[in-house]
Every structure is written in structure tokens, then in C-alpha cells.
């Protein structure tokens, strides 16, 4: 039981450590924040629309990103369109200078993944080819003696087709397994990644987007929905513990 509690506490600490702090501006009555599963969520209501988001750092095999989850609730009587590609973000440094952040749309992030996967498959293919070539060759050394009784070494290289075939089969299996894992990666990422959609009356959506990670002090995310832009500021400075 003690071990289980230790693991749970560790996971909670790591989750909170990766989450960003929401910056509340003075006299802003349109926004409220609350904790949900260890992360701060901020919600802003303007008219008949409620937009909420959370912000945390996520690192996987494809890079380190700020990962934002966005929640939109349509309380109006008309449908509206939401286009995630219109979401923007900017980063403030300690001197107040701003820099535009790279916000990945679904299509852009999938293109990035495919590019990285193509490089990985190419490198694994080269490595597998070298392994097969090395496995097919067998080198033996024999020692002989000349007429003066002095020893000398002879090198003999032969080709073992059975060994090469076995390594080729193993390499093919490895590449097929890697390809399947990459395909599963793309399926997993595509589930929940925000895409352009229609939000009907009394409906809500939730999903996530990735923003390329950069160090800074404050990060602002602007989410256009309907006729308004919902802005959220986050403290992304590295705090000393």
C-alpha cells in the first residue's frame, strides 16, 4: 500500500510540475480558474460562449511542446464554426519583448511526424542493410609455416547465406514492427487533436493542440471563436524549487 501511495504522489507531483500557472489580470470578471486532475483550467465567458483551456509541457518521441487543451461550450441558439488553425500564441521574455509561437494545426503536426518517421525508417533501413551484409560474411584465420619454420597468418572470407537470410528476416520483422508502432502513434495523436468543426447549440467540444516549446516568462494564447477572441495568459518561467 505504501509503495502504491508513493507512486501516486510521484505522478501527481510530476503532473503539477509540468503544468503552467494561469495569470489573472486585475478586475477581469469574465474569467475564472480551477484545478482539474492537477492542472489549472481557466474559463472565460463572453455572451453565450464559454471557452476554457489548460497549458502544460509535453515531451514525446517527436519533440517537446506546450500542449494546450481547449474546451468550447455553445450556449447560443445558433451553430458556429471553430477553426483551430486560427489559434495563435506569443511569448514574452523578461524584457517584455514578444515572439510569435509556432502553433501546430492537425495537418502541420501530422506532417512533422511523417517527416521524422521517414528519417527514422531510412536510418533503420540502412542499419538493417549493413547488418545483413556483415552477417553474410564470415572471416576465418589460419596459421601456416613457411620453409624456414616462420609462422604466417592467412585470412579467408566466405559468404554464409543461411546466416544472412536469418538476419534479413529479423531485420524485416524489426522494420515491420517499427512501422506498426509509428502507425499507432499517428492514430493516437489524431484522436483528440482539434480539427475544424461545427459546434451546434448547447453542444461542447474538447481537444488539444501542440505549440513548439520555447523558454520565456509569459505566454499568451488567443482563441478566436464566433465574433470574439478569448485570450489567456500563462506564467511559463522556470521556477526554482
C-alpha atoms as a PDB file:
ATOM      1  CA  UNK A   1       0.000   0.000   0.000  1.00  0.00           C
ATOM      2  CA  UNK A   2       2.838   2.400   0.922  1.00  0.00           C
ATOM      3  CA  UNK A   3       4.505   1.731  -2.419  1.00  0.00           C
ATOM      4  CA  UNK A   4       1.273   2.453  -4.325  1.00  0.00           C
ATOM      5  CA  UNK A   5       0.770   5.740  -2.454  1.00  0.00           C
ATOM      6  CA  UNK A   6       4.371   6.744  -3.248  1.00  0.00           C
ATOM      7  CA  UNK A   7       3.823   6.107  -6.975  1.00  0.00           C
ATOM      8  CA  UNK A   8       0.554   8.075  -6.984  1.00  0.00           C
ATOM      9  CA  UNK A   9       2.183  11.026  -5.201  1.00  0.00           C
ATOM     10  CA  UNK A  10       5.099  10.961  -7.649  1.00  0.00           C
ATOM     11  CA  UNK A  11       2.742  11.071 -10.636  1.00  0.00           C
ATOM     12  CA  UNK A  12       0.764  13.952  -9.139  1.00  0.00           C
ATOM     13  CA  UNK A  13       3.929  15.967  -8.418  1.00  0.00           C
ATOM     14  CA  UNK A  14       5.219  15.428 -11.962  1.00  0.00           C
ATOM     15  CA  UNK A  15       1.828  16.375 -13.432  1.00  0.00           C
ATOM     16  CA  UNK A  16       1.687  19.636 -11.484  1.00  0.00           C
ATOM     17  CA  UNK A  17       5.342  20.373 -12.249  1.00  0.00           C
ATOM     18  CA  UNK A  18       4.642  20.233 -15.995  1.00  0.00           C
ATOM     19  CA  UNK A  19       1.540  22.430 -15.716  1.00  0.00           C
ATOM     20  CA  UNK A  20       1.730  26.195 -16.200  1.00  0.00           C
ATOM     21  CA  UNK A  21       0.288  28.830 -13.851  1.00  0.00           C
ATOM     22  CA  UNK A  22      -2.595  30.943 -15.124  1.00  0.00           C
ATOM     23  CA  UNK A  23      -2.075  34.711 -14.906  1.00  0.00           C
ATOM     24  CA  UNK A  24      -5.208  36.518 -13.720  1.00  0.00           C
ATOM     25  CA  UNK A  25      -5.465  40.173 -14.703  1.00  0.00           C
ATOM     26  CA  UNK A  26      -6.876  42.646 -12.198  1.00  0.00           C
ATOM     27  CA  UNK A  27     -10.605  43.418 -12.408  1.00  0.00           C
ATOM     28  CA  UNK A  28     -11.211  40.729 -15.040  1.00  0.00           C
ATOM     29  CA  UNK A  29     -14.672  39.387 -14.199  1.00  0.00           C
ATOM     30  CA  UNK A  30     -15.072  37.324 -17.383  1.00  0.00           C
ATOM     31  CA  UNK A  31     -12.616  34.629 -16.330  1.00  0.00           C
ATOM     32  CA  UNK A  32     -12.320  32.073 -13.559  1.00  0.00           C
ATOM     33  CA  UNK A  33      -9.858  29.268 -12.898  1.00  0.00           C
ATOM     34  CA  UNK A  34      -9.901  25.943 -11.089  1.00  0.00           C
ATOM     35  CA  UNK A  35      -7.822  22.783 -10.677  1.00  0.00           C
ATOM     36  CA  UNK A  36      -8.859  19.657 -12.536  1.00  0.00           C
ATOM     37  CA  UNK A  37      -6.726  16.500 -12.239  1.00  0.00           C
ATOM     38  CA  UNK A  38      -3.741  18.509 -11.046  1.00  0.00           C
ATOM     39  CA  UNK A  39      -3.871  21.105 -13.839  1.00  0.00           C
ATOM     40  CA  UNK A  40      -5.138  24.665 -13.773  1.00  0.00           C
ATOM     41  CA  UNK A  41      -8.031  25.284 -16.144  1.00  0.00           C
ATOM     42  CA  UNK A  42      -9.063  28.848 -16.987  1.00  0.00           C
ATOM     43  CA  UNK A  43     -12.549  29.621 -18.341  1.00  0.00           C
ATOM     44  CA  UNK A  44     -13.740  32.811 -19.971  1.00  0.00           C
ATOM     45  CA  UNK A  45     -17.389  33.569 -20.832  1.00  0.00           C
ATOM     46  CA  UNK A  46     -18.337  36.266 -23.294  1.00  0.00           C
ATOM     47  CA  UNK A  47     -22.005  36.343 -24.275  1.00  0.00           C
ATOM     48  CA  UNK A  48     -23.312  32.850 -24.926  1.00  0.00           C
ATOM     49  CA  UNK A  49     -19.943  31.191 -25.377  1.00  0.00           C
ATOM     50  CA  UNK A  50     -17.676  29.653 -22.761  1.00  0.00           C
ATOM     51  CA  UNK A  51     -14.069  28.943 -23.714  1.00  0.00           C
ATOM     52  CA  UNK A  52     -11.645  27.225 -21.365  1.00  0.00           C
ATOM     53  CA  UNK A  53      -8.105  25.947 -21.633  1.00  0.00           C
ATOM     54  CA  UNK A  54      -5.177  24.467 -19.751  1.00  0.00           C
ATOM     55  CA  UNK A  55      -1.492  24.583 -20.614  1.00  0.00           C
ATOM     56  CA  UNK A  56       1.313  22.149 -19.773  1.00  0.00           C
ATOM     57  CA  UNK A  57       4.607  20.858 -21.172  1.00  0.00           C
ATOM     58  CA  UNK A  58       4.516  17.557 -23.029  1.00  0.00           C
ATOM     59  CA  UNK A  59       7.556  15.661 -24.287  1.00  0.00           C
ATOM     60  CA  UNK A  60       7.365  12.617 -26.534  1.00  0.00           C
ATOM     61  CA  UNK A  61       9.362  10.984 -29.303  1.00  0.00           C
ATOM     62  CA  UNK A  62       8.535  13.845 -31.657  1.00  0.00           C
ATOM     63  CA  UNK A  63       9.721  16.760 -29.556  1.00  0.00           C
ATOM     64  CA  UNK A  64       8.955  18.988 -26.596  1.00  0.00           C
ATOM     65  CA  UNK A  65       5.841  21.143 -26.831  1.00  0.00           C
ATOM     66  CA  UNK A  66       3.446  23.220 -24.846  1.00  0.00           C
ATOM     67  CA  UNK A  67       0.274  21.161 -25.072  1.00  0.00           C
ATOM     68  CA  UNK A  68      -2.928  23.125 -24.673  1.00  0.00           C
ATOM     69  CA  UNK A  69      -6.357  21.588 -24.149  1.00  0.00           C
ATOM     70  CA  UNK A  70      -9.290  23.721 -25.261  1.00  0.00           C
ATOM     71  CA  UNK A  71     -12.922  23.478 -24.177  1.00  0.00           C
ATOM     72  CA  UNK A  72     -15.710  25.348 -26.008  1.00  0.00           C
ATOM     73  CA  UNK A  73     -19.379  25.363 -24.960  1.00  0.00           C
ATOM     74  CA  UNK A  74     -22.009  26.887 -27.236  1.00  0.00           C
ATOM     75  CA  UNK A  75     -24.881  28.278 -25.137  1.00  0.00           C
ATOM     76  CA  UNK A  76     -26.428  30.209 -28.020  1.00  0.00           C
ATOM     77  CA  UNK A  77     -29.284  29.186 -30.308  1.00  0.00           C
ATOM     78  CA  UNK A  78     -27.193  29.168 -33.488  1.00  0.00           C
ATOM     79  CA  UNK A  79     -24.395  26.913 -34.705  1.00  0.00           C
ATOM     80  CA  UNK A  80     -20.878  28.264 -35.080  1.00  0.00           C
ATOM     81  CA  UNK A  81     -17.670  27.173 -36.760  1.00  0.00           C
ATOM     82  CA  UNK A  82     -14.407  26.713 -34.912  1.00  0.00           C
ATOM     83  CA  UNK A  83     -11.130  26.649 -36.856  1.00  0.00           C
ATOM     84  CA  UNK A  84      -8.121  25.624 -34.719  1.00  0.00           C
ATOM     85  CA  UNK A  85      -5.707  26.915 -37.373  1.00  0.00           C
ATOM     86  CA  UNK A  86      -6.734  30.436 -36.294  1.00  0.00           C
ATOM     87  CA  UNK A  87      -5.400  29.900 -32.752  1.00  0.00           C
ATOM     88  CA  UNK A  88      -2.261  31.988 -32.156  1.00  0.00           C
ATOM     89  CA  UNK A  89       0.234  32.398 -29.353  1.00  0.00           C
ATOM     90  CA  UNK A  90       3.053  34.740 -28.417  1.00  0.00           C
ATOM     91  CA  UNK A  91       5.832  34.557 -25.886  1.00  0.00           C
ATOM     92  CA  UNK A  92       7.121  37.384 -23.683  1.00  0.00           C
ATOM     93  CA  UNK A  93      10.715  37.402 -22.449  1.00  0.00           C
ATOM     94  CA  UNK A  94      11.977  39.048 -19.255  1.00  0.00           C
ATOM     95  CA  UNK A  95      12.431  42.367 -21.104  1.00  0.00           C
ATOM     96  CA  UNK A  96       8.852  42.379 -22.380  1.00  0.00           C
ATOM     97  CA  UNK A  97       9.786  41.569 -25.972  1.00  0.00           C
ATOM     98  CA  UNK A  98       7.354  39.311 -27.808  1.00  0.00           C
ATOM     99  CA  UNK A  99       7.851  36.428 -30.208  1.00  0.00           C
ATOM    100  CA  UNK A 100       5.232  34.576 -32.247  1.00  0.00           C
ATOM    101  CA  UNK A 101       4.934  30.935 -31.273  1.00  0.00           C
ATOM    102  CA  UNK A 102       4.539  28.020 -33.677  1.00  0.00           C
ATOM    103  CA  UNK A 103       1.024  26.658 -33.118  1.00  0.00           C
ATOM    104  CA  UNK A 104       0.626  23.348 -34.949  1.00  0.00           C
ATOM    105  CA  UNK A 105      -2.638  22.661 -36.705  1.00  0.00           C
ATOM    106  CA  UNK A 106      -3.544  18.982 -37.012  1.00  0.00           C
ATOM    107  CA  UNK A 107      -2.255  18.862 -40.590  1.00  0.00           C
ATOM    108  CA  UNK A 108       1.013  20.598 -39.698  1.00  0.00           C
ATOM    109  CA  UNK A 109       1.743  18.343 -36.745  1.00  0.00           C
ATOM    110  CA  UNK A 110       0.974  15.171 -38.708  1.00  0.00           C
ATOM    111  CA  UNK A 111       3.309  16.412 -41.467  1.00  0.00           C
ATOM    112  CA  UNK A 112       6.047  16.908 -38.851  1.00  0.00           C
ATOM    113  CA  UNK A 113       5.505  13.378 -37.525  1.00  0.00           C
ATOM    114  CA  UNK A 114       5.597  11.833 -41.006  1.00  0.00           C
ATOM    115  CA  UNK A 115       8.845  13.657 -41.780  1.00  0.00           C
ATOM    116  CA  UNK A 116      10.523  12.447 -38.581  1.00  0.00           C
ATOM    117  CA  UNK A 117       9.214   8.923 -39.088  1.00  0.00           C
ATOM    118  CA  UNK A 118      10.544   8.868 -42.660  1.00  0.00           C
ATOM    119  CA  UNK A 119      14.040   9.736 -41.383  1.00  0.00           C
ATOM    120  CA  UNK A 120      13.805   7.060 -38.691  1.00  0.00           C
ATOM    121  CA  UNK A 121      12.719   4.403 -41.189  1.00  0.00           C
ATOM    122  CA  UNK A 122      15.506   5.398 -43.607  1.00  0.00           C
ATOM    123  CA  UNK A 123      18.173   5.159 -40.906  1.00  0.00           C
ATOM    124  CA  UNK A 124      16.819   1.825 -39.696  1.00  0.00           C
ATOM    125  CA  UNK A 125      16.810   0.548 -43.289  1.00  0.00           C
ATOM    126  CA  UNK A 126      20.479   1.496 -43.717  1.00  0.00           C
ATOM    127  CA  UNK A 127      21.355  -0.100 -40.385  1.00  0.00           C
ATOM    128  CA  UNK A 128      19.481  -3.290 -41.305  1.00  0.00           C
ATOM    129  CA  UNK A 129      21.261  -3.447 -44.679  1.00  0.00           C
ATOM    130  CA  UNK A 130      24.648  -3.163 -43.017  1.00  0.00           C
ATOM    131  CA  UNK A 131      23.730  -5.865 -40.516  1.00  0.00           C
ATOM    132  CA  UNK A 132      22.674  -8.243 -43.281  1.00  0.00           C
ATOM    133  CA  UNK A 133      25.893  -7.610 -45.214  1.00  0.00           C
ATOM    134  CA  UNK A 134      28.029  -8.195 -42.139  1.00  0.00           C
ATOM    135  CA  UNK A 135      26.129 -11.363 -41.217  1.00  0.00           C
ATOM    136  CA  UNK A 136      26.641 -12.885 -44.660  1.00  0.00           C
ATOM    137  CA  UNK A 137      30.391 -12.611 -44.449  1.00  0.00           C
ATOM    138  CA  UNK A 138      32.416 -14.930 -42.279  1.00  0.00           C
ATOM    139  CA  UNK A 139      36.135 -14.449 -41.801  1.00  0.00           C
ATOM    140  CA  UNK A 140      38.463 -17.196 -40.615  1.00  0.00           C
ATOM    141  CA  UNK A 141      42.154 -17.099 -39.837  1.00  0.00           C
ATOM    142  CA  UNK A 142      44.636 -19.951 -40.313  1.00  0.00           C
ATOM    143  CA  UNK A 143      48.250 -20.115 -39.286  1.00  0.00           C
ATOM    144  CA  UNK A 144      50.796 -21.771 -41.615  1.00  0.00           C
ATOM    145  CA  UNK A 145      54.562 -22.076 -41.616  1.00  0.00           C
ATOM    146  CA  UNK A 146      56.977 -21.281 -44.413  1.00  0.00           C
ATOM    147  CA  UNK A 147      60.039 -23.319 -45.348  1.00  0.00           C
ATOM    148  CA  UNK A 148      62.085 -21.514 -42.700  1.00  0.00           C
ATOM    149  CA  UNK A 149      59.638 -22.544 -39.990  1.00  0.00           C
ATOM    150  CA  UNK A 150      58.328 -18.992 -39.525  1.00  0.00           C
ATOM    151  CA  UNK A 151      54.553 -18.757 -38.907  1.00  0.00           C
ATOM    152  CA  UNK A 152      52.273 -16.563 -41.029  1.00  0.00           C
ATOM    153  CA  UNK A 153      48.537 -15.945 -40.948  1.00  0.00           C
ATOM    154  CA  UNK A 154      46.132 -16.384 -43.839  1.00  0.00           C
ATOM    155  CA  UNK A 155      42.710 -14.680 -43.958  1.00  0.00           C
ATOM    156  CA  UNK A 156      39.766 -16.450 -45.607  1.00  0.00           C
ATOM    157  CA  UNK A 157      36.420 -14.735 -46.258  1.00  0.00           C
ATOM    158  CA  UNK A 158      33.324 -16.800 -47.081  1.00  0.00           C
ATOM    159  CA  UNK A 159      29.666 -15.982 -47.525  1.00  0.00           C
ATOM    160  CA  UNK A 160      27.122 -17.689 -45.248  1.00  0.00           C
ATOM    161  CA  UNK A 161      23.746 -17.402 -46.986  1.00  0.00           C
ATOM    162  CA  UNK A 162      21.875 -19.057 -44.101  1.00  0.00           C
ATOM    163  CA  UNK A 163      23.164 -16.507 -41.587  1.00  0.00           C
ATOM    164  CA  UNK A 164      22.389 -13.633 -43.955  1.00  0.00           C
ATOM    165  CA  UNK A 165      18.867 -14.958 -44.503  1.00  0.00           C
ATOM    166  CA  UNK A 166      18.227 -15.237 -40.757  1.00  0.00           C
ATOM    167  CA  UNK A 167      19.443 -11.688 -40.121  1.00  0.00           C
ATOM    168  CA  UNK A 168      17.406 -10.402 -43.067  1.00  0.00           C
ATOM    169  CA  UNK A 169      14.259 -11.999 -41.641  1.00  0.00           C
ATOM    170  CA  UNK A 170      14.937 -10.493 -38.207  1.00  0.00           C
ATOM    171  CA  UNK A 171      15.615  -7.055 -39.720  1.00  0.00           C
ATOM    172  CA  UNK A 172      12.418  -7.209 -41.792  1.00  0.00           C
ATOM    173  CA  UNK A 173      10.402  -8.117 -38.681  1.00  0.00           C
ATOM    174  CA  UNK A 174      12.017  -5.259 -36.771  1.00  0.00           C
ATOM    175  CA  UNK A 175      11.198  -2.726 -39.519  1.00  0.00           C
ATOM    176  CA  UNK A 176       7.602  -4.002 -39.795  1.00  0.00           C
ATOM    177  CA  UNK A 177       7.191  -3.700 -36.012  1.00  0.00           C
ATOM    178  CA  UNK A 178       8.606  -0.175 -36.068  1.00  0.00           C
ATOM    179  CA  UNK A 179       6.282   0.759 -38.926  1.00  0.00           C
ATOM    180  CA  UNK A 180       3.256  -0.538 -36.999  1.00  0.00           C
ATOM    181  CA  UNK A 181       4.317   1.383 -33.883  1.00  0.00           C
ATOM    182  CA  UNK A 182       4.616   4.565 -35.943  1.00  0.00           C
ATOM    183  CA  UNK A 183       1.188   3.972 -37.448  1.00  0.00           C
ATOM    184  CA  UNK A 184      -0.247   3.538 -33.949  1.00  0.00           C
ATOM    185  CA  UNK A 185       1.464   6.788 -32.902  1.00  0.00           C
ATOM    186  CA  UNK A 186      -0.320   8.676 -35.681  1.00  0.00           C
ATOM    187  CA  UNK A 187      -3.670   7.140 -34.740  1.00  0.00           C
ATOM    188  CA  UNK A 188      -3.204   8.017 -31.073  1.00  0.00           C
ATOM    189  CA  UNK A 189      -2.202  11.608 -31.811  1.00  0.00           C
ATOM    190  CA  UNK A 190      -5.060  12.111 -34.271  1.00  0.00           C
ATOM    191  CA  UNK A 191      -7.585  11.135 -31.576  1.00  0.00           C
ATOM    192  CA  UNK A 192      -8.395  14.306 -29.715  1.00  0.00           C
ATOM    193  CA  UNK A 193      -6.268  16.690 -31.787  1.00  0.00           C
ATOM    194  CA  UNK A 194      -8.506  19.644 -32.615  1.00  0.00           C
ATOM    195  CA  UNK A 195      -9.751  19.964 -36.185  1.00  0.00           C
ATOM    196  CA  UNK A 196     -12.142  22.390 -37.870  1.00  0.00           C
ATOM    197  CA  UNK A 197     -15.672  21.638 -36.691  1.00  0.00           C
ATOM    198  CA  UNK A 198     -19.202  22.961 -36.279  1.00  0.00           C
ATOM    199  CA  UNK A 199     -20.444  23.426 -32.715  1.00  0.00           C
ATOM    200  CA  UNK A 200     -24.234  23.211 -32.581  1.00  0.00           C
ATOM    201  CA  UNK A 201     -26.442  24.894 -29.958  1.00  0.00           C
ATOM    202  CA  UNK A 202     -25.952  23.505 -26.436  1.00  0.00           C
ATOM    203  CA  UNK A 203     -23.023  21.407 -27.638  1.00  0.00           C
ATOM    204  CA  UNK A 204     -19.463  21.455 -26.375  1.00  0.00           C
ATOM    205  CA  UNK A 205     -16.126  20.214 -27.703  1.00  0.00           C
ATOM    206  CA  UNK A 206     -12.780  19.487 -26.083  1.00  0.00           C
ATOM    207  CA  UNK A 207      -9.425  18.652 -27.644  1.00  0.00           C
ATOM    208  CA  UNK A 208      -5.782  19.556 -27.677  1.00  0.00           C
ATOM    209  CA  UNK A 209      -3.129  21.297 -29.789  1.00  0.00           C
ATOM    210  CA  UNK A 210       0.667  21.459 -29.635  1.00  0.00           C
ATOM    211  CA  UNK A 211       2.757  24.628 -29.575  1.00  0.00           C
ATOM    212  CA  UNK A 212       6.516  24.431 -30.163  1.00  0.00           C
ATOM    213  CA  UNK A 213       8.301  24.842 -26.843  1.00  0.00           C
ATOM    214  CA  UNK A 214      10.473  27.884 -26.192  1.00  0.00           C
ATOM    215  CA  UNK A 215      11.698  29.389 -22.950  1.00  0.00           C
ATOM    216  CA  UNK A 216      10.165  32.643 -21.818  1.00  0.00           C
ATOM    217  CA  UNK A 217       8.380  34.428 -18.992  1.00  0.00           C
ATOM    218  CA  UNK A 218       4.760  34.719 -20.097  1.00  0.00           C
ATOM    219  CA  UNK A 219       2.806  33.003 -22.837  1.00  0.00           C
ATOM    220  CA  UNK A 220      -0.426  34.340 -24.311  1.00  0.00           C
ATOM    221  CA  UNK A 221      -2.854  32.130 -26.237  1.00  0.00           C
ATOM    222  CA  UNK A 222      -5.572  33.741 -28.382  1.00  0.00           C
ATOM    223  CA  UNK A 223      -8.536  31.563 -29.360  1.00  0.00           C
ATOM    224  CA  UNK A 224     -10.942  33.081 -31.910  1.00  0.00           C
ATOM    225  CA  UNK A 225     -14.488  31.741 -31.527  1.00  0.00           C
ATOM    226  CA  UNK A 226     -17.502  33.418 -33.101  1.00  0.00           C
ATOM    227  CA  UNK A 227     -17.081  37.201 -33.085  1.00  0.00           C
ATOM    228  CA  UNK A 228     -14.646  37.296 -30.156  1.00  0.00           C
ATOM    229  CA  UNK A 229     -11.074  36.366 -29.317  1.00  0.00           C
ATOM    230  CA  UNK A 230     -10.606  34.608 -25.989  1.00  0.00           C
ATOM    231  CA  UNK A 231      -7.170  35.394 -24.558  1.00  0.00           C
ATOM    232  CA  UNK A 232      -5.389  33.523 -21.780  1.00  0.00           C
ATOM    233  CA  UNK A 233      -2.011  34.327 -20.246  1.00  0.00           C
ATOM    234  CA  UNK A 234       0.250  31.760 -18.598  1.00  0.00           C
ATOM    235  CA  UNK A 235       3.367  32.039 -16.481  1.00  0.00           C
ATOM    236  CA  UNK A 236       5.896  29.746 -18.205  1.00  0.00           C
ATOM    237  CA  UNK A 237       9.020  30.946 -16.419  1.00  0.00           C
ATOM    238  CA  UNK A 238      11.171  28.271 -14.859  1.00  0.00           C
ATOM    239  CA  UNK A 239      10.741  28.479 -11.137  1.00  0.00           C
ATOM    240  CA  UNK A 240      13.354  27.493  -8.599  1.00  0.00           C
ATOM    241  CA  UNK A 241      12.290  24.745  -6.233  1.00  0.00           C
END
